[in-house]
């Protein structure tokens, strides 16, 4: 309680709650983009199969964006937990990152509304590039300031996190390049990012276990 009072109203707890709220709001926006049957569809004599085919791009876009948002939630809190206390540079970076996250449902849905237009997949990947760069800046700020960083993080762990922070910007640049060729479902490249995160985490845990065994 003493630490909370000394930090004022902007505490880790409050920022964590705000972050979760923004992600919940983003998922609600994402869900609203999934088209549901309307009276006009039935008047147009659309069969269940016809409507299912109409809905398929929305569902694929929803699943892709949902997985990407879930990945960002995990990565963002992974960085957040390396933080001991909030300072102004981190706060500003974090708020801008959350604002960029809110645009994911919008940029993702534009791919469905305007298929075959490379500008909209580029817009989505550009949004992801901004988020990736902001997360990288958040971690860079934390890693260079031991006063705000959680104590006990060893150099190998810091190096591992630094590597992870490069995955999203690199994938976004690759996605932008693919989008210029009007390739469908370029959002799928972020599944490679998720796999890279998982493999890096697994390798990091195994190395940390070997290190601890060596000490004991």
C-alpha atoms as a PDB file:
ATOM      1  CA  UNK A   1       0.000   0.000   0.000  1.00  0.00           C
ATOM      2  CA  UNK A   2       2.845   2.390   0.792  1.00  0.00           C
ATOM      3  CA  UNK A   3       4.351   1.826  -2.651  1.00  0.00           C
ATOM      4  CA  UNK A   4       0.979   2.452  -4.284  1.00  0.00           C
ATOM      5  CA  UNK A   5       0.526   5.768  -2.463  1.00  0.00           C
ATOM      6  CA  UNK A   6       4.022   6.906  -3.415  1.00  0.00           C
ATOM      7  CA  UNK A   7       3.370   6.121  -7.083  1.00  0.00           C
ATOM      8  CA  UNK A   8       0.141   8.107  -7.156  1.00  0.00           C
ATOM      9  CA  UNK A   9      -2.895   7.122  -9.289  1.00  0.00           C
ATOM     10  CA  UNK A  10      -0.769   5.788 -12.192  1.00  0.00           C
ATOM     11  CA  UNK A  11       0.288   2.431 -10.800  1.00  0.00           C
ATOM     12  CA  UNK A  12       1.099  -0.902 -12.420  1.00  0.00           C
ATOM     13  CA  UNK A  13      -2.237  -2.237 -11.218  1.00  0.00           C
ATOM     14  CA  UNK A  14      -4.196   0.597 -12.835  1.00  0.00           C
ATOM     15  CA  UNK A  15      -2.242   0.382 -16.089  1.00  0.00           C
ATOM     16  CA  UNK A  16      -2.762  -3.389 -16.143  1.00  0.00           C
ATOM     17  CA  UNK A  17      -6.509  -2.926 -15.694  1.00  0.00           C
ATOM     18  CA  UNK A  18      -6.617  -0.288 -18.428  1.00  0.00           C
ATOM     19  CA  UNK A  19      -4.675  -2.592 -20.762  1.00  0.00           C
ATOM     20  CA  UNK A  20      -7.066  -5.494 -20.185  1.00  0.00           C
ATOM     21  CA  UNK A  21     -10.050  -3.186 -20.726  1.00  0.00           C
ATOM     22  CA  UNK A  22      -8.662  -1.956 -24.037  1.00  0.00           C
ATOM     23  CA  UNK A  23      -8.104  -5.529 -25.240  1.00  0.00           C
ATOM     24  CA  UNK A  24     -11.647  -6.521 -24.228  1.00  0.00           C
ATOM     25  CA  UNK A  25     -13.007  -3.481 -26.103  1.00  0.00           C
ATOM     26  CA  UNK A  26     -10.884  -4.420 -29.141  1.00  0.00           C
ATOM     27  CA  UNK A  27     -12.262  -7.967 -29.138  1.00  0.00           C
ATOM     28  CA  UNK A  28     -15.822  -6.586 -28.964  1.00  0.00           C
ATOM     29  CA  UNK A  29     -15.103  -4.412 -31.994  1.00  0.00           C
ATOM     30  CA  UNK A  30     -13.677  -7.461 -33.742  1.00  0.00           C
ATOM     31  CA  UNK A  31     -16.749  -9.565 -32.989  1.00  0.00           C
ATOM     32  CA  UNK A  32     -19.060  -6.854 -34.361  1.00  0.00           C
ATOM     33  CA  UNK A  33     -17.400  -7.253 -37.756  1.00  0.00           C
ATOM     34  CA  UNK A  34     -18.706 -10.833 -38.112  1.00  0.00           C
ATOM     35  CA  UNK A  35     -21.803 -10.645 -40.245  1.00  0.00           C
ATOM     36  CA  UNK A  36     -24.979 -12.318 -38.968  1.00  0.00           C
ATOM     37  CA  UNK A  37     -28.120 -13.180 -40.986  1.00  0.00           C
ATOM     38  CA  UNK A  38     -30.562 -10.308 -41.417  1.00  0.00           C
ATOM     39  CA  UNK A  39     -34.159 -10.089 -42.598  1.00  0.00           C
ATOM     40  CA  UNK A  40     -32.894  -8.752 -45.933  1.00  0.00           C
ATOM     41  CA  UNK A  41     -30.870 -11.910 -46.473  1.00  0.00           C
ATOM     42  CA  UNK A  42     -33.934 -14.095 -46.075  1.00  0.00           C
ATOM     43  CA  UNK A  43     -35.979 -11.823 -48.354  1.00  0.00           C
ATOM     44  CA  UNK A  44     -33.231 -12.269 -50.961  1.00  0.00           C
ATOM     45  CA  UNK A  45     -33.833 -16.069 -50.803  1.00  0.00           C
ATOM     46  CA  UNK A  46     -30.276 -16.725 -49.618  1.00  0.00           C
ATOM     47  CA  UNK A  47     -29.899 -20.375 -48.631  1.00  0.00           C
ATOM     48  CA  UNK A  48     -27.915 -21.516 -45.601  1.00  0.00           C
ATOM     49  CA  UNK A  49     -25.050 -22.624 -47.876  1.00  0.00           C
ATOM     50  CA  UNK A  50     -25.054 -19.304 -49.746  1.00  0.00           C
ATOM     51  CA  UNK A  51     -24.973 -17.338 -46.534  1.00  0.00           C
ATOM     52  CA  UNK A  52     -22.266 -19.605 -45.124  1.00  0.00           C
ATOM     53  CA  UNK A  53     -20.064 -18.850 -48.116  1.00  0.00           C
ATOM     54  CA  UNK A  54     -20.823 -15.136 -47.714  1.00  0.00           C
ATOM     55  CA  UNK A  55     -19.807 -15.343 -44.075  1.00  0.00           C
ATOM     56  CA  UNK A  56     -16.612 -17.359 -44.593  1.00  0.00           C
ATOM     57  CA  UNK A  57     -14.280 -14.375 -45.275  1.00  0.00           C
ATOM     58  CA  UNK A  58     -15.601 -12.651 -42.131  1.00  0.00           C
ATOM     59  CA  UNK A  59     -15.001 -15.764 -40.023  1.00  0.00           C
ATOM     60  CA  UNK A  60     -11.467 -16.320 -41.374  1.00  0.00           C
ATOM     61  CA  UNK A  61     -10.634 -12.642 -40.824  1.00  0.00           C
ATOM     62  CA  UNK A  62     -12.088 -12.818 -37.301  1.00  0.00           C
ATOM     63  CA  UNK A  63     -10.072 -15.921 -36.365  1.00  0.00           C
ATOM     64  CA  UNK A  64      -6.840 -14.479 -37.768  1.00  0.00           C
ATOM     65  CA  UNK A  65      -7.313 -11.134 -36.023  1.00  0.00           C
ATOM     66  CA  UNK A  66      -8.372 -12.821 -32.754  1.00  0.00           C
ATOM     67  CA  UNK A  67      -5.205 -14.933 -32.674  1.00  0.00           C
ATOM     68  CA  UNK A  68      -3.073 -11.884 -33.503  1.00  0.00           C
ATOM     69  CA  UNK A  69      -4.704  -9.833 -30.727  1.00  0.00           C
ATOM     70  CA  UNK A  70      -4.198 -12.712 -28.277  1.00  0.00           C
ATOM     71  CA  UNK A  71      -0.522 -12.855 -29.296  1.00  0.00           C
ATOM     72  CA  UNK A  72      -0.155  -9.105 -28.737  1.00  0.00           C
ATOM     73  CA  UNK A  73      -1.840  -9.372 -25.320  1.00  0.00           C
ATOM     74  CA  UNK A  74       0.677 -12.024 -24.247  1.00  0.00           C
ATOM     75  CA  UNK A  75       3.680 -10.118 -25.642  1.00  0.00           C
ATOM     76  CA  UNK A  76       2.566  -6.798 -24.189  1.00  0.00           C
ATOM     77  CA  UNK A  77       2.147  -8.252 -20.708  1.00  0.00           C
ATOM     78  CA  UNK A  78       5.424 -10.139 -21.081  1.00  0.00           C
ATOM     79  CA  UNK A  79       7.104  -6.741 -21.426  1.00  0.00           C
ATOM     80  CA  UNK A  80       4.860  -5.228 -18.741  1.00  0.00           C
ATOM     81  CA  UNK A  81       5.955  -7.806 -16.148  1.00  0.00           C
ATOM     82  CA  UNK A  82       9.584  -6.780 -16.610  1.00  0.00           C
ATOM     83  CA  UNK A  83       8.613  -3.371 -15.257  1.00  0.00           C
ATOM     84  CA  UNK A  84       8.956  -2.521 -11.569  1.00  0.00           C
ATOM     85  CA  UNK A  85       7.280   0.892 -11.676  1.00  0.00           C
ATOM     86  CA  UNK A  86       5.684   3.190 -14.225  1.00  0.00           C
ATOM     87  CA  UNK A  87       7.478   6.273 -15.505  1.00  0.00           C
ATOM     88  CA  UNK A  88       6.287   8.860 -18.016  1.00  0.00           C
ATOM     89  CA  UNK A  89       8.160   7.649 -21.142  1.00  0.00           C
ATOM     90  CA  UNK A  90       6.847   4.103 -20.663  1.00  0.00           C
ATOM     91  CA  UNK A  91       3.332   5.396 -19.932  1.00  0.00           C
ATOM     92  CA  UNK A  92       3.215   7.451 -23.144  1.00  0.00           C
ATOM     93  CA  UNK A  93       4.607   4.587 -25.236  1.00  0.00           C
ATOM     94  CA  UNK A  94       2.124   2.168 -23.687  1.00  0.00           C
ATOM     95  CA  UNK A  95      -0.891   4.402 -24.307  1.00  0.00           C
ATOM     96  CA  UNK A  96       0.090   4.907 -27.957  1.00  0.00           C
ATOM     97  CA  UNK A  97       0.530   1.126 -28.299  1.00  0.00           C
ATOM     98  CA  UNK A  98      -2.972   0.527 -26.918  1.00  0.00           C
ATOM     99  CA  UNK A  99      -4.386   3.097 -29.338  1.00  0.00           C
ATOM    100  CA  UNK A 100      -2.741   1.237 -32.236  1.00  0.00           C
ATOM    101  CA  UNK A 101      -4.173  -2.075 -30.962  1.00  0.00           C
ATOM    102  CA  UNK A 102      -7.724  -0.664 -31.176  1.00  0.00           C
ATOM    103  CA  UNK A 103      -7.261  -0.136 -34.927  1.00  0.00           C
ATOM    104  CA  UNK A 104      -6.645  -3.858 -35.568  1.00  0.00           C
ATOM    105  CA  UNK A 105     -10.363  -4.757 -36.018  1.00  0.00           C
ATOM    106  CA  UNK A 106     -10.830  -1.791 -38.369  1.00  0.00           C
ATOM    107  CA  UNK A 107      -7.808  -2.518 -40.570  1.00  0.00           C
ATOM    108  CA  UNK A 108      -8.587  -6.252 -40.530  1.00  0.00           C
ATOM    109  CA  UNK A 109     -12.226  -5.766 -41.564  1.00  0.00           C
ATOM    110  CA  UNK A 110     -11.273  -3.510 -44.484  1.00  0.00           C
ATOM    111  CA  UNK A 111      -9.557  -6.554 -46.051  1.00  0.00           C
ATOM    112  CA  UNK A 112     -12.946  -8.287 -46.147  1.00  0.00           C
ATOM    113  CA  UNK A 113     -14.961  -5.277 -47.309  1.00  0.00           C
ATOM    114  CA  UNK A 114     -12.509  -4.455 -50.118  1.00  0.00           C
ATOM    115  CA  UNK A 115     -11.014  -7.774 -51.301  1.00  0.00           C
ATOM    116  CA  UNK A 116      -8.212  -7.692 -53.845  1.00  0.00           C
ATOM    117  CA  UNK A 117      -7.122  -4.177 -52.892  1.00  0.00           C
ATOM    118  CA  UNK A 118      -3.502  -4.291 -51.771  1.00  0.00           C
ATOM    119  CA  UNK A 119      -3.772  -0.949 -49.962  1.00  0.00           C
ATOM    120  CA  UNK A 120      -5.872  -2.449 -47.151  1.00  0.00           C
ATOM    121  CA  UNK A 121      -3.630  -5.460 -46.324  1.00  0.00           C
ATOM    122  CA  UNK A 122      -0.730  -2.999 -46.397  1.00  0.00           C
ATOM    123  CA  UNK A 123      -2.660  -0.804 -43.942  1.00  0.00           C
ATOM    124  CA  UNK A 124      -3.174  -3.764 -41.598  1.00  0.00           C
ATOM    125  CA  UNK A 125       0.499  -4.760 -41.694  1.00  0.00           C
ATOM    126  CA  UNK A 126       1.557  -1.131 -41.310  1.00  0.00           C
ATOM    127  CA  UNK A 127      -0.575  -0.981 -38.155  1.00  0.00           C
ATOM    128  CA  UNK A 128       1.166  -4.133 -36.919  1.00  0.00           C
ATOM    129  CA  UNK A 129       4.554  -2.603 -37.743  1.00  0.00           C
ATOM    130  CA  UNK A 130       3.707   0.441 -35.614  1.00  0.00           C
ATOM    131  CA  UNK A 131       2.645  -1.812 -32.724  1.00  0.00           C
ATOM    132  CA  UNK A 132       5.805  -3.914 -33.069  1.00  0.00           C
ATOM    133  CA  UNK A 133       8.073  -0.857 -33.088  1.00  0.00           C
ATOM    134  CA  UNK A 134       6.277   0.605 -30.057  1.00  0.00           C
ATOM    135  CA  UNK A 135       6.676  -2.660 -28.132  1.00  0.00           C
ATOM    136  CA  UNK A 136      10.333  -2.713 -29.085  1.00  0.00           C
ATOM    137  CA  UNK A 137      10.706   0.849 -27.784  1.00  0.00           C
ATOM    138  CA  UNK A 138       8.919  -0.082 -24.546  1.00  0.00           C
ATOM    139  CA  UNK A 139      11.363  -2.919 -23.954  1.00  0.00           C
ATOM    140  CA  UNK A 140      14.371  -0.809 -24.985  1.00  0.00           C
ATOM    141  CA  UNK A 141      13.340   1.836 -22.446  1.00  0.00           C
ATOM    142  CA  UNK A 142      12.887  -0.757 -19.684  1.00  0.00           C
ATOM    143  CA  UNK A 143      16.122  -2.613 -20.464  1.00  0.00           C
ATOM    144  CA  UNK A 144      18.288   0.503 -20.291  1.00  0.00           C
ATOM    145  CA  UNK A 145      16.871   1.828 -17.001  1.00  0.00           C
ATOM    146  CA  UNK A 146      17.539  -0.482 -13.992  1.00  0.00           C
ATOM    147  CA  UNK A 147      15.512   1.814 -11.715  1.00  0.00           C
ATOM    148  CA  UNK A 148      12.226   0.874 -13.386  1.00  0.00           C
ATOM    149  CA  UNK A 149      13.202  -2.679 -14.381  1.00  0.00           C
ATOM    150  CA  UNK A 150      12.212  -5.649 -12.236  1.00  0.00           C
ATOM    151  CA  UNK A 151      15.317  -6.847 -10.376  1.00  0.00           C
ATOM    152  CA  UNK A 152      16.716 -10.319 -10.966  1.00  0.00           C
ATOM    153  CA  UNK A 153      16.548 -10.414 -14.777  1.00  0.00           C
ATOM    154  CA  UNK A 154      19.816 -11.962 -15.981  1.00  0.00           C
ATOM    155  CA  UNK A 155      21.577 -10.872 -19.216  1.00  0.00           C
ATOM    156  CA  UNK A 156      20.483 -13.983 -21.110  1.00  0.00           C
ATOM    157  CA  UNK A 157      16.807 -13.344 -20.297  1.00  0.00           C
ATOM    158  CA  UNK A 158      17.160  -9.740 -21.424  1.00  0.00           C
ATOM    159  CA  UNK A 159      18.778 -10.859 -24.669  1.00  0.00           C
ATOM    160  CA  UNK A 160      16.007 -13.388 -25.246  1.00  0.00           C
ATOM    161  CA  UNK A 161      13.292 -10.746 -24.755  1.00  0.00           C
ATOM    162  CA  UNK A 162      15.157  -8.394 -27.105  1.00  0.00           C
ATOM    163  CA  UNK A 163      15.118 -11.099 -29.799  1.00  0.00           C
ATOM    164  CA  UNK A 164      11.384 -11.676 -29.284  1.00  0.00           C
ATOM    165  CA  UNK A 165      10.645  -7.970 -29.681  1.00  0.00           C
ATOM    166  CA  UNK A 166      12.056  -8.093 -33.213  1.00  0.00           C
ATOM    167  CA  UNK A 167       9.632 -10.769 -34.423  1.00  0.00           C
ATOM    168  CA  UNK A 168       6.532  -8.591 -34.883  1.00  0.00           C
ATOM    169  CA  UNK A 169       8.224  -5.701 -36.766  1.00  0.00           C
ATOM    170  CA  UNK A 170      10.078  -8.148 -39.044  1.00  0.00           C
ATOM    171  CA  UNK A 171       6.881 -10.112 -39.746  1.00  0.00           C
ATOM    172  CA  UNK A 172       4.974  -6.873 -40.431  1.00  0.00           C
ATOM    173  CA  UNK A 173       7.576  -5.779 -42.994  1.00  0.00           C
ATOM    174  CA  UNK A 174       7.352  -9.203 -44.638  1.00  0.00           C
ATOM    175  CA  UNK A 175       3.546  -8.895 -44.615  1.00  0.00           C
ATOM    176  CA  UNK A 176       3.723  -5.470 -46.284  1.00  0.00           C
ATOM    177  CA  UNK A 177       5.899  -6.905 -49.055  1.00  0.00           C
ATOM    178  CA  UNK A 178       3.480  -9.821 -49.600  1.00  0.00           C
ATOM    179  CA  UNK A 179       0.492  -7.446 -49.609  1.00  0.00           C
ATOM    180  CA  UNK A 180       1.867  -5.517 -52.560  1.00  0.00           C
ATOM    181  CA  UNK A 181       1.396  -8.682 -54.665  1.00  0.00           C
ATOM    182  CA  UNK A 182      -2.338  -8.782 -53.771  1.00  0.00           C
ATOM    183  CA  UNK A 183      -1.920 -12.187 -52.118  1.00  0.00           C
ATOM    184  CA  UNK A 184      -4.970 -13.277 -50.052  1.00  0.00           C
ATOM    185  CA  UNK A 185      -4.844 -13.859 -46.280  1.00  0.00           C
ATOM    186  CA  UNK A 186      -1.459 -12.229 -45.729  1.00  0.00           C
ATOM    187  CA  UNK A 187      -2.445 -11.975 -42.046  1.00  0.00           C
ATOM    188  CA  UNK A 188      -1.532 -15.651 -41.850  1.00  0.00           C
ATOM    189  CA  UNK A 189       2.177 -14.752 -41.738  1.00  0.00           C
ATOM    190  CA  UNK A 190       1.726 -13.913 -38.053  1.00  0.00           C
ATOM    191  CA  UNK A 191       1.252 -17.609 -37.293  1.00  0.00           C
ATOM    192  CA  UNK A 192       4.972 -17.888 -38.042  1.00  0.00           C
ATOM    193  CA  UNK A 193       5.566 -15.167 -35.441  1.00  0.00           C
ATOM    194  CA  UNK A 194       3.556 -17.087 -32.852  1.00  0.00           C
ATOM    195  CA  UNK A 195       5.583 -20.224 -33.587  1.00  0.00           C
ATOM    196  CA  UNK A 196       8.830 -18.222 -33.292  1.00  0.00           C
ATOM    197  CA  UNK A 197       7.716 -16.862 -29.903  1.00  0.00           C
ATOM    198  CA  UNK A 198       6.876 -20.370 -28.677  1.00  0.00           C
ATOM    199  CA  UNK A 199      10.176 -21.881 -29.839  1.00  0.00           C
ATOM    200  CA  UNK A 200      12.208 -19.007 -28.368  1.00  0.00           C
ATOM    201  CA  UNK A 201      10.414 -19.320 -25.020  1.00  0.00           C
ATOM    202  CA  UNK A 202      10.959 -23.078 -24.984  1.00  0.00           C
ATOM    203  CA  UNK A 203      14.652 -22.674 -25.768  1.00  0.00           C
ATOM    204  CA  UNK A 204      14.985 -19.970 -23.099  1.00  0.00           C
ATOM    205  CA  UNK A 205      13.340 -22.157 -20.426  1.00  0.00           C
ATOM    206  CA  UNK A 206      15.547 -25.133 -21.268  1.00  0.00           C
ATOM    207  CA  UNK A 207      18.685 -23.009 -21.147  1.00  0.00           C
ATOM    208  CA  UNK A 208      17.626 -21.504 -17.798  1.00  0.00           C
ATOM    209  CA  UNK A 209      17.033 -25.011 -16.380  1.00  0.00           C
ATOM    210  CA  UNK A 210      20.515 -26.111 -17.462  1.00  0.00           C
ATOM    211  CA  UNK A 211      21.985 -22.967 -15.931  1.00  0.00           C
ATOM    212  CA  UNK A 212      20.267 -23.575 -12.598  1.00  0.00           C
ATOM    213  CA  UNK A 213      21.380 -27.206 -12.577  1.00  0.00           C
ATOM    214  CA  UNK A 214      24.941 -26.071 -13.196  1.00  0.00           C
ATOM    215  CA  UNK A 215      24.749 -23.687 -10.221  1.00  0.00           C
ATOM    216  CA  UNK A 216      23.330 -26.344  -7.913  1.00  0.00           C
END
